[in-house]
Amino acid sequence: MDLQLSGKRALVTGSTAGIGFAIATELAREGVAVVLNGRSEERVAQAVQRLQAAVPQAQVRGVAADVATAVGCDLLAQASAGVDILVNNFGIFDPQPFGAIDDAQWQRFLMPT
């Protein structure tokens, strides 16, 4: 499939495994230069290697930064400035009915500390 994304740059948070890694892989297959993100240098490096093995022509690099913190967000923003596509795959949640989530919980879910 050609989504006409070739030449774009993307940041995918939480992309060392699972859905985030799958998204990053498909973007790389479309010709997007991808920035992988995770909390651990080791996991990020492993994910970069796996993506390059899966998509040999991929332009990929990794940034270890914990986006659950303001410091991590700043680091990641500086390291991936100028991206065209942001896939925010990071998140936390507590399984409960939507209407039972108060403002303080939403802030915890969506805003770094």
C-alpha atoms as a PDB file:
ATOM      1  CA  MET A   1       0.000   0.000   0.000  1.00  0.00           C
ATOM      2  CA  ASP A   2       1.303   3.472  -0.812  1.00  0.00           C
ATOM      3  CA  LEU A   3       0.080   6.014   1.710  1.00  0.00           C
ATOM      4  CA  GLN A   4       2.276   8.699   0.084  1.00  0.00           C
ATOM      5  CA  LEU A   5       4.295   9.172   3.253  1.00  0.00           C
ATOM      6  CA  SER A   6       7.719   8.594   1.726  1.00  0.00           C
ATOM      7  CA  GLY A   7      10.189  11.222   2.874  1.00  0.00           C
ATOM      8  CA  LYS A   8       8.246  12.103   6.024  1.00  0.00           C
ATOM      9  CA  ARG A   9       9.651  11.767   9.543  1.00  0.00           C
ATOM     10  CA  ALA A  10       7.743  10.114  12.396  1.00  0.00           C
ATOM     11  CA  LEU A  11       8.085   9.669  16.136  1.00  0.00           C
ATOM     12  CA  VAL A  12       6.329   6.683  17.670  1.00  0.00           C
ATOM     13  CA  THR A  13       6.334   6.685  21.473  1.00  0.00           C
ATOM     14  CA  GLY A  14       6.273   3.364  23.288  1.00  0.00           C
ATOM     15  CA  SER A  15       7.583   1.622  20.189  1.00  0.00           C
ATOM     16  CA  THR A  16      10.050  -0.998  21.387  1.00  0.00           C
ATOM     17  CA  ALA A  17       7.421  -3.778  21.190  1.00  0.00           C
ATOM     18  CA  GLY A  18       3.791  -4.554  20.504  1.00  0.00           C
ATOM     19  CA  ILE A  19       1.482  -2.140  18.718  1.00  0.00           C
ATOM     20  CA  GLY A  20       4.005   0.722  18.782  1.00  0.00           C
ATOM     21  CA  PHE A  21       6.674  -1.392  17.109  1.00  0.00           C
ATOM     22  CA  ALA A  22       4.174  -2.639  14.512  1.00  0.00           C
ATOM     23  CA  ILE A  23       3.164   0.952  13.702  1.00  0.00           C
ATOM     24  CA  ALA A  24       6.801   2.016  13.380  1.00  0.00           C
ATOM     25  CA  THR A  25       7.518  -0.961  11.110  1.00  0.00           C
ATOM     26  CA  GLU A  26       4.641  -0.142   8.767  1.00  0.00           C
ATOM     27  CA  LEU A  27       5.669   3.519   8.633  1.00  0.00           C
ATOM     28  CA  ALA A  28       9.228   2.446   7.755  1.00  0.00           C
ATOM     29  CA  ARG A  29       7.846   0.224   4.977  1.00  0.00           C
ATOM     30  CA  GLU A  30       6.089   3.326   3.611  1.00  0.00           C
ATOM     31  CA  GLY A  31       9.446   5.147   3.405  1.00  0.00           C
ATOM     32  CA  VAL A  32       9.044   7.180   6.588  1.00  0.00           C
ATOM     33  CA  ALA A  33      12.163   7.915   8.652  1.00  0.00           C
ATOM     34  CA  VAL A  34      11.184   6.606  12.084  1.00  0.00           C
ATOM     35  CA  VAL A  35      12.257   7.517  15.614  1.00  0.00           C
ATOM     36  CA  LEU A  36      11.626   4.649  18.036  1.00  0.00           C
ATOM     37  CA  ASN A  37      11.128   5.430  21.706  1.00  0.00           C
ATOM     38  CA  GLY A  38      11.207   3.492  24.940  1.00  0.00           C
ATOM     39  CA  ARG A  39      12.483   3.926  28.485  1.00  0.00           C
ATOM     40  CA  SER A  40      15.520   1.648  28.282  1.00  0.00           C
ATOM     41  CA  GLU A  41      18.614   2.148  26.104  1.00  0.00           C
ATOM     42  CA  GLU A  42      18.904  -1.619  25.715  1.00  0.00           C
ATOM     43  CA  ARG A  43      15.293  -2.148  24.566  1.00  0.00           C
ATOM     44  CA  VAL A  44      15.470   0.811  22.210  1.00  0.00           C
ATOM     45  CA  ALA A  45      18.700  -0.503  20.645  1.00  0.00           C
ATOM     46  CA  GLN A  46      17.176  -3.968  20.244  1.00  0.00           C
ATOM     47  CA  ALA A  47      14.055  -2.504  18.628  1.00  0.00           C
ATOM     48  CA  VAL A  48      16.141  -0.476  16.182  1.00  0.00           C
ATOM     49  CA  GLN A  49      18.014  -3.648  15.173  1.00  0.00           C
ATOM     50  CA  ARG A  50      14.754  -5.622  14.763  1.00  0.00           C
ATOM     51  CA  LEU A  51      13.207  -2.915  12.620  1.00  0.00           C
ATOM     52  CA  GLN A  52      16.306  -2.645  10.425  1.00  0.00           C
ATOM     53  CA  ALA A  53      16.262  -6.431   9.989  1.00  0.00           C
ATOM     54  CA  ALA A  54      12.576  -6.379   9.048  1.00  0.00           C
ATOM     55  CA  VAL A  55      12.881  -3.357   6.738  1.00  0.00           C
ATOM     56  CA  PRO A  56      16.472  -3.221   5.435  1.00  0.00           C
ATOM     57  CA  GLN A  57      15.990   0.136   3.685  1.00  0.00           C
ATOM     58  CA  ALA A  58      14.539   1.723   6.848  1.00  0.00           C
ATOM     59  CA  GLN A  59      15.809   5.022   8.145  1.00  0.00           C
ATOM     60  CA  VAL A  60      15.453   4.420  11.871  1.00  0.00           C
ATOM     61  CA  ARG A  61      16.955   5.699  15.057  1.00  0.00           C
ATOM     62  CA  GLY A  62      16.052   5.320  18.689  1.00  0.00           C
ATOM     63  CA  VAL A  63      15.745   7.615  21.672  1.00  0.00           C
ATOM     64  CA  ALA A  64      15.549   6.270  25.216  1.00  0.00           C
ATOM     65  CA  ALA A  65      13.382   8.667  27.218  1.00  0.00           C
ATOM     66  CA  ASP A  66      10.619   8.125  29.768  1.00  0.00           C
ATOM     67  CA  VAL A  67       7.659  10.119  28.479  1.00  0.00           C
ATOM     68  CA  ALA A  68       5.892   9.702  31.819  1.00  0.00           C
ATOM     69  CA  THR A  69       8.149  12.500  33.091  1.00  0.00           C
ATOM     70  CA  ALA A  70       8.616  16.105  32.030  1.00  0.00           C
ATOM     71  CA  VAL A  71      12.377  15.551  31.729  1.00  0.00           C
ATOM     72  CA  GLY A  72      11.842  12.563  29.439  1.00  0.00           C
ATOM     73  CA  CYS A  73       9.361  14.509  27.309  1.00  0.00           C
ATOM     74  CA  ASP A  74      11.821  17.381  26.936  1.00  0.00           C
ATOM     75  CA  LEU A  75      14.628  15.000  25.973  1.00  0.00           C
ATOM     76  CA  LEU A  76      12.475  13.246  23.388  1.00  0.00           C
ATOM     77  CA  ALA A  77      11.139  16.515  21.958  1.00  0.00           C
ATOM     78  CA  GLN A  78      14.670  17.851  21.503  1.00  0.00           C
ATOM     79  CA  ALA A  79      15.926  14.600  19.989  1.00  0.00           C
ATOM     80  CA  SER A  80      13.073  14.351  17.493  1.00  0.00           C
ATOM     81  CA  ALA A  81      12.394  17.971  16.583  1.00  0.00           C
ATOM     82  CA  GLY A  82      10.819  18.536  13.199  1.00  0.00           C
ATOM     83  CA  VAL A  83       8.880  15.286  12.857  1.00  0.00           C
ATOM     84  CA  ASP A  84       5.893  15.299  10.500  1.00  0.00           C
ATOM     85  CA  ILE A  85       3.996  12.470  12.203  1.00  0.00           C
ATOM     86  CA  LEU A  86       3.489  11.807  15.902  1.00  0.00           C
ATOM     87  CA  VAL A  87       2.028   8.523  17.088  1.00  0.00           C
ATOM     88  CA  ASN A  88       1.609   8.768  20.841  1.00  0.00           C
ATOM     89  CA  ASN A  89       1.410   5.091  21.728  1.00  0.00           C
ATOM     90  CA  PHE A  90       2.410   5.666  25.364  1.00  0.00           C
ATOM     91  CA  GLY A  91      -0.263   5.716  28.002  1.00  0.00           C
ATOM     92  CA  ILE A  92      -1.410   4.544  31.385  1.00  0.00           C
ATOM     93  CA  PHE A  93      -4.931   3.789  32.510  1.00  0.00           C
ATOM     94  CA  ASP A  94      -7.055   2.284  35.222  1.00  0.00           C
ATOM     95  CA  PRO A  95      -9.835   0.025  33.946  1.00  0.00           C
ATOM     96  CA  GLN A  96     -13.050   1.729  35.039  1.00  0.00           C
ATOM     97  CA  PRO A  97     -16.140   3.255  33.445  1.00  0.00           C
ATOM     98  CA  PHE A  98     -15.429   6.414  31.445  1.00  0.00           C
ATOM     99  CA  GLY A  99     -17.793   8.514  33.547  1.00  0.00           C
ATOM    100  CA  ALA A 100     -16.056   7.449  36.761  1.00  0.00           C
ATOM    101  CA  ILE A 101     -12.738   9.048  35.773  1.00  0.00           C
ATOM    102  CA  ASP A 102     -12.335  12.416  37.510  1.00  0.00           C
ATOM    103  CA  ASP A 103     -10.204  15.350  36.327  1.00  0.00           C
ATOM    104  CA  ALA A 104      -7.253  14.426  38.542  1.00  0.00           C
ATOM    105  CA  GLN A 105      -7.139  10.944  37.030  1.00  0.00           C
ATOM    106  CA  TRP A 106      -7.311  12.362  33.481  1.00  0.00           C
ATOM    107  CA  GLN A 107      -4.380  14.613  34.306  1.00  0.00           C
ATOM    108  CA  ARG A 108      -2.423  11.601  35.579  1.00  0.00           C
ATOM    109  CA  PHE A 109      -3.285   9.581  32.457  1.00  0.00           C
ATOM    110  CA  LEU A 110      -2.440  12.288  29.937  1.00  0.00           C
ATOM    111  CA  MET A 111       0.117  14.658  31.430  1.00  0.00           C
ATOM    112  CA  PRO A 112       3.693  13.897  32.465  1.00  0.00           C
ATOM    113  CA  THR A 113       4.682  14.437  36.064  1.00  0.00           C
END
